[in-house]
Amino acid sequence: MKKIVLIGLLLASYAAKSMNVADTTITVFTTAENTKLRLTETGKLHFKPSKQPMETEVCIFVDPAKSFQTLTGIGGALTDASAETFAKLPKDKQQELLQAYYNPVKGIGYTLARTNIQSCDFSSDTYSYVAEHDSLLKTFSVQHDQQYRIPFIKAAIAAAGGKLTLFVSPWSPPSWMKDNNNVLQGGKLLPEYYQTWANFFVKFIRTYEALGIPVWGLSVQNEPMAKQKWESCIYTAEEERDFIKGYLGPTLQKQGMSSKKLIAWDHNRDLVYQRASTILEDPAAAKYVWGIGYHWYETWTGSDMQFGNVQKVKESFPGMNLLFTEGCIESFKRERINEWFIGERYGYSMVNDFNSGTVAWTDWNILLDETGGPNHVGNFCFAPVHADTKTGELIYTNAYYYLGHFSKFIRPGAKRVISSSNRTQLQTTAFLNKDGKLAVVVLNLTDKEIPYQLWIKGKAAPTVSLPHSIATLVVE
């Protein structure tokens, strides 16, 4: 009881300190269209006493005493395509890329990663880790990955300081385990191979860890409700629930892997509530699930991003972790590589995903080549960084900088706090880091320059949001 009281007093004391902003300095970092500002320090601000703002005054109100989810990390996927492109770069450009992503001072400080189990669309071809009909998995081998992907992941871990939170996802079981006898075009995992497939996850994790790549978590299936021309596999909500509770969950537990974070769904926001409720309302399945993953591609229908569905999962299952597990800008065209909408889509998603309760945010490929690949089915996409493999040049899109406005300043262990805008033209989220630094992100998707005040507990600092910009205000 004494320990609980002491912790409560410490938290109250810390909250009180965090609201004492009179002697603090605010450092502003900005990225803006039609300027040279790219994660550039653009000034220092100071708080002054401020009375109740009038309705005519534009404000971002922050309350550090009201905290919510704790950040697990922000990062991107280390795919075959990224690894193969990386291998084609000169050594100095390889080091530049690793520093750009994983160094928290000189780069944007990524701490989270995802990689594929067997091939995915962003592989140069389809491949499997086992021979056909080897249900005992005696032929299991990741030799394919040892040429490019495994060295790439290990280099990323080293660049991140020796620790990278990595989760793994399958796009399809081997063809012979499926009812369509094809790793492509959807199809379903045959019930007689449920246990074999559960064992396959364990084999993969053990093999990667033996090679020096710790695995933090795993998702059940990438995009389980999409029949794609690339590697894909369909699970209804009930099928995923039953696979988790009858096979994958118990197998992980029996094999000493109950600490691995199991992620369900791993598809778009449109169906996220239906999937989450089906799985989490069954205690026998829910006990194995650490989080619900989701993507942003529901906009293919013409819909806006459906943040409300993510919020409904959080409201209904407040103890469940939410993870953004994949997003990218599709339909790559070299001539569009500098278009500003690319970064703004990231900023819009990240602000609203974090405000919906998300604990981790994972971009898709961290690196692609000058064609938006390699991709064995022609599904070429944008990445935050592209490499021109003919010249060795690295091309940083504005998405890289938009991502950095979050990952560089909001670190693992940070807690989201209230950040409220009184104008829809300015969107905002804020996190209080473990070191006491408060990071407030302000997004302006409009064509207008907008003067505003950062307002915290009767103190305010005036500043200006540039048109089509993102800013991170670090209060310390």
Protein backbone atom coordinates (compact mmCIF):
# COMPACT_ATOMS: atom_id res chain seq x y z
CA MET A 1 0.00 0.00 0.00
CA LYS A 2 2.86 2.40 0.87
CA LYS A 3 4.44 1.66 -2.50
CA ILE A 4 1.20 2.49 -4.34
CA VAL A 5 0.80 5.76 -2.43
CA LEU A 6 4.43 6.70 -3.14
CA ILE A 7 4.02 6.03 -6.87
CA GLY A 8 0.86 8.12 -6.88
CA LEU A 9 2.65 11.02 -5.19
CA LEU A 10 5.55 10.80 -7.63
CA LEU A 11 3.19 10.85 -10.61
CA ALA A 12 1.30 13.80 -9.19
CA SER A 13 4.58 15.63 -8.57
CA TYR A 14 5.77 14.89 -12.12
CA ALA A 15 2.48 16.10 -13.61
CA ALA A 16 2.73 19.30 -11.59
CA LYS A 17 6.29 19.88 -12.80
CA SER A 18 5.29 19.21 -16.40
CA MET A 19 2.68 21.98 -16.20
CA ASN A 20 5.14 24.56 -14.85
CA VAL A 21 5.96 26.10 -18.21
CA ALA A 22 6.99 29.59 -17.11
CA ASP A 23 10.74 28.95 -17.42
CA THR A 24 10.67 26.61 -20.39
CA THR A 25 11.93 27.05 -23.93
CA ILE A 26 10.06 25.91 -27.02
CA THR A 27 12.15 24.85 -30.01
CA VAL A 28 10.27 24.75 -33.30
CA PHE A 29 11.15 22.38 -36.16
CA THR A 30 9.37 22.88 -39.49
CA THR A 31 8.87 21.23 -42.88
CA ALA A 32 6.90 23.29 -45.41
CA GLU A 33 5.99 23.26 -49.08
CA ASN A 34 7.62 25.83 -51.40
CA THR A 35 10.43 26.40 -48.90
CA LYS A 36 13.77 24.79 -48.12
CA LEU A 37 12.55 23.88 -44.64
CA ARG A 38 12.95 20.14 -44.02
CA LEU A 39 12.87 19.23 -40.33
CA THR A 40 14.62 22.57 -39.90
CA GLU A 41 14.92 24.38 -36.58
CA THR A 42 13.01 27.59 -37.23
CA GLY A 43 13.10 29.39 -33.92
CA LYS A 44 12.75 29.52 -30.16
CA LEU A 45 9.57 30.54 -28.39
CA HIS A 46 8.86 31.46 -24.78
CA PHE A 47 5.68 31.30 -22.75
CA LYS A 48 4.08 34.40 -21.29
CA PRO A 49 1.05 34.69 -19.02
CA SER A 50 -2.16 34.53 -21.03
CA LYS A 51 -5.73 35.15 -19.99
CA GLN A 52 -8.69 33.22 -21.32
CA PRO A 53 -8.36 33.29 -25.14
CA MET A 54 -11.15 34.93 -27.09
CA GLU A 55 -12.96 32.95 -29.79
CA THR A 56 -11.10 35.03 -32.37
CA GLU A 57 -7.72 33.71 -31.19
CA VAL A 58 -6.40 30.51 -32.78
CA CYS A 59 -4.97 28.19 -30.14
CA ILE A 60 -3.47 24.76 -29.64
CA PHE A 61 -4.36 23.80 -26.06
CA VAL A 62 -2.11 21.20 -24.42
CA ASP A 63 -2.76 19.55 -21.06
CA PRO A 64 0.25 17.41 -20.03
CA ALA A 65 -1.58 16.20 -16.92
CA LYS A 66 -4.06 14.17 -18.98
CA SER A 67 -2.21 11.17 -20.40
CA PHE A 68 -3.23 8.20 -22.51
CA GLN A 69 -1.39 5.42 -24.39
CA THR A 70 2.36 4.79 -24.19
CA LEU A 71 4.31 4.76 -27.46
CA THR A 72 5.91 1.44 -28.44
CA GLY A 73 7.73 2.87 -31.45
CA ILE A 74 7.69 4.32 -34.96
CA GLY A 75 9.42 2.77 -37.96
CA GLY A 76 9.13 1.01 -41.29
CA ALA A 77 9.31 -2.35 -43.04
CA LEU A 78 12.56 -4.10 -43.95
CA THR A 79 11.39 -6.03 -47.00
CA ASP A 80 13.21 -8.02 -49.68
CA ALA A 81 12.79 -5.03 -52.00
CA SER A 82 14.38 -2.65 -49.51
CA ALA A 83 17.22 -5.08 -48.84
CA GLU A 84 17.97 -5.72 -52.53
CA THR A 85 17.94 -2.01 -53.31
CA PHE A 86 20.20 -1.32 -50.33
CA ALA A 87 22.70 -3.91 -51.57
CA LYS A 88 23.02 -2.04 -54.88
CA LEU A 89 24.08 1.20 -53.19
CA PRO A 90 27.70 2.29 -52.72
CA LYS A 91 28.95 1.68 -49.16
CA ASP A 92 28.87 5.37 -48.25
CA LYS A 93 25.25 5.65 -49.37
CA GLN A 94 24.35 2.53 -47.39
CA GLN A 95 25.73 4.19 -44.27
CA GLU A 96 23.93 7.43 -45.12
CA LEU A 97 20.61 5.60 -45.37
CA LEU A 98 21.09 3.72 -42.09
CA GLN A 99 22.01 6.93 -40.28
CA ALA A 100 19.13 8.81 -41.89
CA TYR A 101 16.61 6.33 -40.53
CA TYR A 102 18.06 5.03 -37.27
CA ASN A 103 20.29 7.71 -35.75
CA PRO A 104 18.12 9.74 -33.35
CA VAL A 105 20.36 12.83 -33.62
CA LYS A 106 21.52 12.92 -37.24
CA GLY A 107 18.50 11.02 -38.56
CA ILE A 108 14.89 10.42 -37.56
CA GLY A 109 15.46 7.74 -34.93
CA TYR A 110 13.35 4.78 -36.08
CA THR A 111 12.82 2.18 -33.35
CA LEU A 112 10.27 -0.18 -34.93
CA ALA A 113 10.41 -2.56 -37.91
CA ARG A 114 8.37 -5.17 -39.74
CA THR A 115 9.50 -7.92 -42.08
CA ASN A 116 7.84 -10.59 -44.19
CA ILE A 117 7.68 -14.35 -43.52
CA GLN A 118 8.37 -15.91 -46.95
CA SER A 119 7.81 -13.83 -50.08
CA CYS A 120 5.49 -10.86 -50.50
CA ASP A 121 4.73 -8.57 -53.43
CA PHE A 122 7.87 -6.57 -52.61
CA SER A 123 10.09 -9.57 -53.34
CA SER A 124 11.76 -10.20 -56.69
CA ASP A 125 9.95 -13.55 -56.98
CA THR A 126 7.86 -15.99 -54.98
CA TYR A 127 9.74 -18.37 -52.69
CA SER A 128 9.16 -20.71 -49.76
CA TYR A 129 11.20 -21.86 -46.79
CA VAL A 130 10.12 -25.52 -47.07
CA ALA A 131 9.91 -28.22 -49.71
CA GLU A 132 6.48 -29.20 -51.04
CA HIS A 133 4.38 -31.36 -48.69
CA ASP A 134 6.98 -31.24 -45.89
CA SER A 135 4.41 -31.05 -43.11
CA LEU A 136 7.08 -31.82 -40.49
CA LEU A 137 9.09 -28.81 -41.70
CA LYS A 138 12.31 -30.83 -41.84
CA THR A 139 13.50 -28.89 -44.89
CA PHE A 140 12.83 -25.47 -43.31
CA SER A 141 15.54 -23.00 -44.32
CA VAL A 142 15.82 -19.22 -44.63
CA GLN A 143 18.79 -19.47 -46.97
CA HIS A 144 16.96 -17.22 -49.45
CA ASP A 145 16.94 -14.38 -46.90
CA GLN A 146 20.63 -14.68 -46.10
CA GLN A 147 21.72 -13.04 -49.34
CA TYR A 148 20.06 -9.66 -48.81
CA ARG A 149 17.40 -9.39 -46.13
CA ILE A 150 19.09 -10.84 -43.06
CA PRO A 151 22.29 -8.76 -43.46
CA PHE A 152 20.11 -5.69 -44.07
CA ILE A 153 18.04 -6.24 -40.93
CA LYS A 154 21.19 -6.82 -38.86
CA ALA A 155 22.69 -3.61 -40.23
CA ALA A 156 19.51 -1.74 -39.27
CA ILE A 157 19.62 -3.18 -35.74
CA ALA A 158 23.24 -2.09 -35.36
CA ALA A 159 22.45 1.39 -36.69
CA ALA A 160 19.59 1.66 -34.18
CA GLY A 161 22.04 1.10 -31.34
CA GLY A 162 21.61 -2.66 -31.08
CA LYS A 163 17.88 -2.70 -30.40
CA LEU A 164 15.02 -2.65 -32.89
CA THR A 165 11.46 -3.71 -32.09
CA LEU A 166 10.71 -6.15 -34.93
CA PHE A 167 7.46 -7.88 -35.80
CA VAL A 168 6.95 -10.39 -38.60
CA SER A 169 4.03 -11.06 -40.94
CA PRO A 170 3.18 -13.77 -43.49
CA TRP A 171 1.59 -12.92 -46.84
CA SER A 172 0.76 -16.56 -47.61
CA PRO A 173 1.41 -20.09 -46.38
CA PRO A 174 3.13 -22.40 -48.91
CA SER A 175 0.89 -23.24 -51.87
CA TRP A 176 0.42 -26.88 -50.85
CA MET A 177 -1.16 -25.82 -47.55
CA LYS A 178 -3.91 -23.87 -49.36
CA ASP A 179 -7.18 -24.76 -51.04
CA ASN A 180 -6.19 -23.00 -54.29
CA ASN A 181 -2.70 -24.57 -54.39
CA ASN A 182 -1.28 -21.10 -55.06
CA VAL A 183 0.50 -18.55 -52.89
CA LEU A 184 -1.11 -15.83 -55.04
CA GLN A 185 -4.77 -14.96 -55.59
CA GLY A 186 -6.07 -15.41 -52.05
CA GLY A 187 -7.21 -18.92 -51.25
CA LYS A 188 -7.48 -20.33 -47.73
CA LEU A 189 -5.29 -22.29 -45.37
CA LEU A 190 -6.58 -25.88 -45.33
CA PRO A 191 -7.75 -26.95 -41.85
CA GLU A 192 -5.49 -30.02 -41.91
CA TYR A 193 -2.48 -27.68 -42.02
CA TYR A 194 -3.49 -25.32 -39.20
CA GLN A 195 -1.03 -26.93 -36.79
CA THR A 196 1.73 -27.17 -39.39
CA TRP A 197 1.33 -23.48 -40.13
CA ALA A 198 1.41 -22.59 -36.42
CA ASN A 199 4.63 -24.60 -36.13
CA PHE A 200 5.97 -22.67 -39.14
CA PHE A 201 5.77 -19.37 -37.22
CA VAL A 202 7.79 -20.89 -34.39
CA LYS A 203 10.39 -22.23 -36.83
CA PHE A 204 10.77 -18.83 -38.45
CA ILE A 205 11.13 -16.95 -35.17
CA ARG A 206 13.62 -19.44 -33.76
CA THR A 207 15.69 -19.41 -36.94
CA TYR A 208 15.86 -15.62 -37.16
CA GLU A 209 16.69 -15.31 -33.48
CA ALA A 210 19.46 -17.90 -33.82
CA LEU A 211 20.90 -15.69 -36.57
CA GLY A 212 20.96 -12.66 -34.25
CA ILE A 213 17.62 -11.04 -35.10
CA PRO A 214 15.32 -10.79 -32.05
CA VAL A 215 11.62 -10.99 -32.90
CA TRP A 216 9.30 -8.93 -30.69
CA GLY A 217 5.97 -9.87 -32.25
CA LEU A 218 4.03 -11.37 -35.13
CA SER A 219 0.80 -10.80 -36.99
CA VAL A 220 -1.44 -13.69 -38.00
CA GLN A 221 -1.84 -12.73 -41.66
CA ASN A 222 -1.21 -9.70 -43.82
CA GLU A 223 -4.50 -8.35 -45.22
CA PRO A 224 -6.65 -11.43 -44.56
CA MET A 225 -9.71 -10.14 -46.45
CA ALA A 226 -8.02 -9.28 -49.77
CA LYS A 227 -7.66 -11.59 -52.74
CA GLN A 228 -4.58 -10.13 -54.40
CA LYS A 229 -2.57 -10.94 -57.51
CA TRP A 230 0.38 -11.24 -55.15
CA GLU A 231 0.86 -13.44 -52.07
CA SER A 232 -2.37 -13.47 -50.08
CA CYS A 233 -4.55 -15.72 -47.94
CA ILE A 234 -8.14 -15.25 -46.78
CA TYR A 235 -9.31 -15.67 -43.18
CA THR A 236 -12.81 -14.73 -42.11
CA ALA A 237 -13.02 -13.19 -38.64
CA GLU A 238 -14.19 -16.54 -37.26
CA GLU A 239 -11.38 -18.42 -39.00
CA GLU A 240 -8.72 -16.08 -37.66
CA ARG A 241 -10.25 -16.31 -34.18
CA ASP A 242 -10.27 -20.10 -34.29
CA PHE A 243 -6.72 -20.32 -35.66
CA ILE A 244 -5.50 -18.08 -32.84
CA LYS A 245 -7.27 -19.86 -30.00
CA GLY A 246 -6.88 -23.42 -31.25
CA TYR A 247 -3.45 -23.40 -32.85
CA LEU A 248 -1.22 -20.33 -33.01
CA GLY A 249 -1.78 -19.06 -29.47
CA PRO A 250 -1.35 -22.43 -27.74
CA THR A 251 1.64 -23.30 -29.93
CA LEU A 252 3.47 -20.09 -29.05
CA GLN A 253 2.72 -20.75 -25.40
CA LYS A 254 3.91 -24.36 -25.48
CA GLN A 255 7.10 -23.37 -27.29
CA GLY A 256 8.07 -20.75 -24.72
CA MET A 257 7.03 -17.82 -26.90
CA SER A 258 4.11 -16.45 -24.91
CA SER A 259 6.02 -13.17 -24.54
CA LYS A 260 5.85 -12.59 -28.31
CA LYS A 261 3.26 -9.94 -29.12
CA LEU A 262 0.49 -11.48 -31.24
CA ILE A 263 -1.25 -9.04 -33.58
CA ALA A 264 -4.62 -9.78 -35.18
CA TRP A 265 -6.29 -8.30 -38.29
CA ASP A 266 -3.39 -6.44 -40.01
CA HIS A 267 -5.71 -5.00 -42.69
CA ASN A 268 -7.63 -1.78 -43.31
CA ARG A 269 -9.60 0.42 -40.92
CA ASP A 270 -12.90 -0.29 -42.71
CA LEU A 271 -13.45 -3.73 -41.16
CA VAL A 272 -11.28 -3.29 -38.07
CA TYR A 273 -14.13 -3.14 -35.54
CA GLN A 274 -15.94 -6.20 -36.90
CA ARG A 275 -12.71 -8.21 -36.88
CA ALA A 276 -11.58 -7.02 -33.46
CA SER A 277 -14.94 -7.63 -31.80
CA THR A 278 -15.25 -11.15 -33.24
CA ILE A 279 -11.84 -12.14 -31.89
CA LEU A 280 -11.76 -10.19 -28.63
CA GLU A 281 -15.26 -11.13 -27.47
CA ASP A 282 -14.04 -14.74 -27.29
CA PRO A 283 -11.92 -15.01 -24.12
CA ALA A 284 -10.24 -18.17 -25.40
CA ALA A 285 -8.83 -16.21 -28.35
CA ALA A 286 -8.49 -12.79 -26.72
CA LYS A 287 -6.08 -14.07 -24.06
CA TYR A 288 -3.43 -14.62 -26.73
CA VAL A 289 -3.85 -11.30 -28.56
CA TRP A 290 -1.64 -8.34 -27.67
CA GLY A 291 -2.83 -5.94 -30.33
CA ILE A 292 -4.99 -5.16 -33.33
CA GLY A 293 -3.07 -4.05 -36.42
CA TYR A 294 -4.49 -1.98 -39.25
CA HIS A 295 -3.58 -0.38 -42.61
CA TRP A 296 -4.75 2.78 -44.40
CA TYR A 297 -5.82 1.48 -47.82
CA GLU A 298 -9.58 1.70 -47.20
CA THR A 299 -9.37 4.88 -49.27
CA TRP A 300 -9.35 2.74 -52.46
CA THR A 301 -13.16 2.93 -52.25
CA GLY A 302 -13.16 6.74 -52.34
CA SER A 303 -13.63 6.83 -48.58
CA ASP A 304 -11.67 9.08 -46.27
CA MET A 305 -9.43 7.39 -43.72
CA GLN A 306 -11.83 5.84 -41.20
CA PHE A 307 -10.24 6.86 -37.91
CA GLY A 308 -13.58 6.52 -36.15
CA ASN A 309 -13.49 2.75 -36.55
CA VAL A 310 -10.13 2.60 -34.78
CA GLN A 311 -11.54 4.76 -31.99
CA LYS A 312 -14.49 2.39 -31.62
CA VAL A 313 -12.10 -0.52 -31.05
CA LYS A 314 -10.32 1.49 -28.35
CA GLU A 315 -13.60 2.49 -26.70
CA SER A 316 -14.92 -1.08 -26.71
CA PHE A 317 -11.66 -2.80 -25.73
CA PRO A 318 -9.70 -0.15 -23.81
CA GLY A 319 -7.02 -2.59 -22.70
CA MET A 320 -6.17 -3.65 -26.26
CA ASN A 321 -3.18 -2.19 -28.09
CA LEU A 322 -3.69 -0.62 -31.51
CA LEU A 323 -0.92 -0.69 -34.11
CA PHE A 324 -0.68 0.88 -37.52
CA THR A 325 1.11 -1.92 -39.35
CA GLU A 326 1.35 -0.72 -42.97
CA GLY A 327 0.79 2.23 -45.26
CA CYS A 328 2.34 3.58 -48.44
CA ILE A 329 1.50 5.78 -51.41
CA GLU A 330 0.64 3.50 -54.32
CA SER A 331 1.02 3.82 -58.12
CA PHE A 332 4.60 5.04 -58.32
CA LYS A 333 5.54 7.58 -60.96
CA ARG A 334 9.03 9.08 -60.93
CA GLU A 335 7.77 12.50 -62.01
CA ARG A 336 5.53 12.68 -58.89
CA ILE A 337 8.25 11.90 -56.39
CA ASN A 338 8.38 15.45 -54.99
CA GLU A 339 4.62 16.06 -54.84
CA TRP A 340 3.59 17.39 -51.47
CA PHE A 341 0.51 15.21 -50.99
CA ILE A 342 2.81 12.26 -50.27
CA GLY A 343 4.05 13.65 -46.97
CA GLU A 344 0.71 15.19 -46.05
CA ARG A 345 -0.98 11.80 -46.21
CA TYR A 346 1.48 10.55 -43.61
CA GLY A 347 1.00 13.55 -41.36
CA TYR A 348 -2.80 13.35 -41.58
CA SER A 349 -2.80 9.64 -40.78
CA MET A 350 -0.29 9.80 -37.95
CA VAL A 351 -1.91 12.69 -36.08
CA ASN A 352 -5.32 11.02 -36.19
CA ASP A 353 -4.07 7.48 -35.58
CA PHE A 354 -2.24 8.56 -32.44
CA ASN A 355 -5.25 10.55 -31.27
CA SER A 356 -7.31 7.36 -31.76
CA GLY A 357 -5.11 5.49 -29.26
CA THR A 358 -2.47 3.89 -31.50
CA VAL A 359 0.72 2.77 -29.71
CA ALA A 360 2.93 1.97 -32.73
CA TRP A 361 3.15 3.24 -36.30
CA THR A 362 4.84 1.28 -39.09
CA ASP A 363 5.46 2.57 -42.60
CA TRP A 364 5.81 0.10 -45.49
CA ASN A 365 9.15 -0.24 -47.40
CA ILE A 366 11.82 2.08 -46.00
CA LEU A 367 13.66 2.05 -49.34
CA LEU A 368 12.70 1.33 -52.96
CA ASP A 369 14.51 1.80 -56.26
CA GLU A 370 13.94 4.31 -59.06
CA THR A 371 11.01 2.24 -60.40
CA GLY A 372 9.16 1.96 -57.07
CA GLY A 373 10.27 -1.67 -56.75
CA PRO A 374 11.51 -4.31 -57.09
CA ASN A 375 8.08 -5.93 -57.05
CA HIS A 376 7.38 -9.23 -58.78
CA VAL A 377 3.79 -8.37 -59.72
CA GLY A 378 4.28 -4.76 -60.83
CA ASN A 379 2.69 -3.22 -57.72
CA PHE A 380 5.14 -0.31 -57.70
CA CYS A 381 4.83 2.21 -54.85
CA PHE A 382 6.45 5.22 -53.24
CA ALA A 383 8.77 4.97 -50.24
CA PRO A 384 10.05 7.79 -48.02
CA VAL A 385 13.47 7.26 -49.61
CA HIS A 386 14.21 6.01 -53.12
CA ALA A 387 17.56 4.96 -54.53
CA ASP A 388 18.52 5.56 -58.13
CA THR A 389 20.49 2.35 -58.57
CA LYS A 390 21.99 3.67 -61.82
CA THR A 391 23.61 6.69 -60.18
CA GLY A 392 23.76 5.62 -56.51
CA GLU A 393 21.76 8.71 -55.53
CA LEU A 394 19.38 8.69 -52.56
CA ILE A 395 16.17 10.65 -53.08
CA TYR A 396 14.39 11.80 -49.92
CA THR A 397 10.69 12.43 -50.46
CA ASN A 398 8.80 14.80 -48.18
CA ALA A 399 7.27 11.72 -46.51
CA TYR A 400 10.64 11.08 -44.88
CA TYR A 401 10.51 14.49 -43.19
CA TYR A 402 6.85 14.21 -42.20
CA LEU A 403 7.59 10.85 -40.55
CA GLY A 404 10.58 12.40 -38.81
CA HIS A 405 8.43 15.06 -37.19
CA PHE A 406 7.01 12.21 -35.10
CA SER A 407 9.76 9.57 -34.81
CA LYS A 408 12.61 11.96 -34.02
CA PHE A 409 10.84 13.77 -31.20
CA ILE A 410 8.36 11.21 -29.81
CA ARG A 411 10.36 8.36 -28.35
CA PRO A 412 9.38 4.90 -27.06
CA GLY A 413 7.85 5.19 -23.62
CA ALA A 414 6.35 8.62 -24.33
CA LYS A 415 2.75 9.13 -23.24
CA ARG A 416 0.20 10.87 -25.40
CA VAL A 417 -1.33 13.90 -23.71
CA ILE A 418 -4.23 16.17 -24.58
CA SER A 419 -3.57 18.50 -27.50
CA SER A 420 -6.66 20.29 -28.76
CA SER A 421 -7.03 22.74 -31.64
CA ASN A 422 -9.84 25.29 -31.83
CA ARG A 423 -9.62 25.36 -35.64
CA THR A 424 -10.01 22.36 -37.96
CA GLN A 425 -7.40 23.97 -40.21
CA LEU A 426 -4.75 23.01 -37.64
CA GLN A 427 -4.54 19.38 -36.55
CA THR A 428 -2.45 18.33 -33.59
CA THR A 429 -1.21 15.55 -31.35
CA ALA A 430 1.23 15.67 -28.43
CA PHE A 431 3.35 13.31 -26.37
CA LEU A 432 5.28 13.73 -23.13
CA ASN A 433 8.59 11.88 -23.30
CA LYS A 434 10.17 10.05 -20.39
CA ASP A 435 12.91 12.70 -20.19
CA GLY A 436 10.27 15.39 -19.60
CA LYS A 437 10.37 16.89 -23.10
CA LEU A 438 6.93 17.64 -24.51
CA ALA A 439 6.56 17.19 -28.29
CA VAL A 440 3.58 18.94 -29.90
CA VAL A 441 2.95 18.24 -33.59
CA VAL A 442 0.93 20.79 -35.58
CA LEU A 443 -0.27 19.96 -39.11
CA ASN A 444 -1.53 22.55 -41.61
CA LEU A 445 -3.07 21.08 -44.78
CA THR A 446 -4.36 24.43 -46.04
CA ASP A 447 -3.02 27.05 -48.48
CA LYS A 448 -3.02 29.67 -45.72
CA GLU A 449 -0.50 30.92 -43.18
CA ILE A 450 -2.18 30.62 -39.78
CA PRO A 451 -0.97 32.56 -36.71
CA TYR A 452 -1.74 30.69 -33.48
CA GLN A 453 -0.77 30.32 -29.84
CA LEU A 454 0.54 27.26 -28.05
CA TRP A 455 -1.42 27.50 -24.78
CA ILE A 456 -0.66 25.50 -21.63
CA LYS A 457 -2.29 26.23 -18.27
CA GLY A 458 -2.53 30.00 -18.52
CA LYS A 459 0.71 30.48 -20.44
CA ALA A 460 0.92 31.03 -24.19
CA ALA A 461 3.55 31.34 -26.90
CA PRO A 462 2.59 32.93 -30.23
CA THR A 463 3.86 31.48 -33.51
CA VAL A 464 2.80 30.92 -37.13
CA SER A 465 1.90 27.77 -39.09
CA LEU A 466 3.05 27.98 -42.71
CA PRO A 467 0.82 26.78 -45.58
CA HIS A 468 1.07 23.03 -46.21
CA SER A 469 3.43 22.49 -43.31
CA ILE A 470 4.11 20.30 -40.34
CA ALA A 471 5.85 21.55 -37.21
CA THR A 472 7.04 19.89 -34.04
CA LEU A 473 7.27 22.16 -31.02
CA VAL A 474 9.56 20.72 -28.34
CA VAL A 475 8.89 22.15 -24.90
CA GLU A 476 11.68 21.68 -22.35
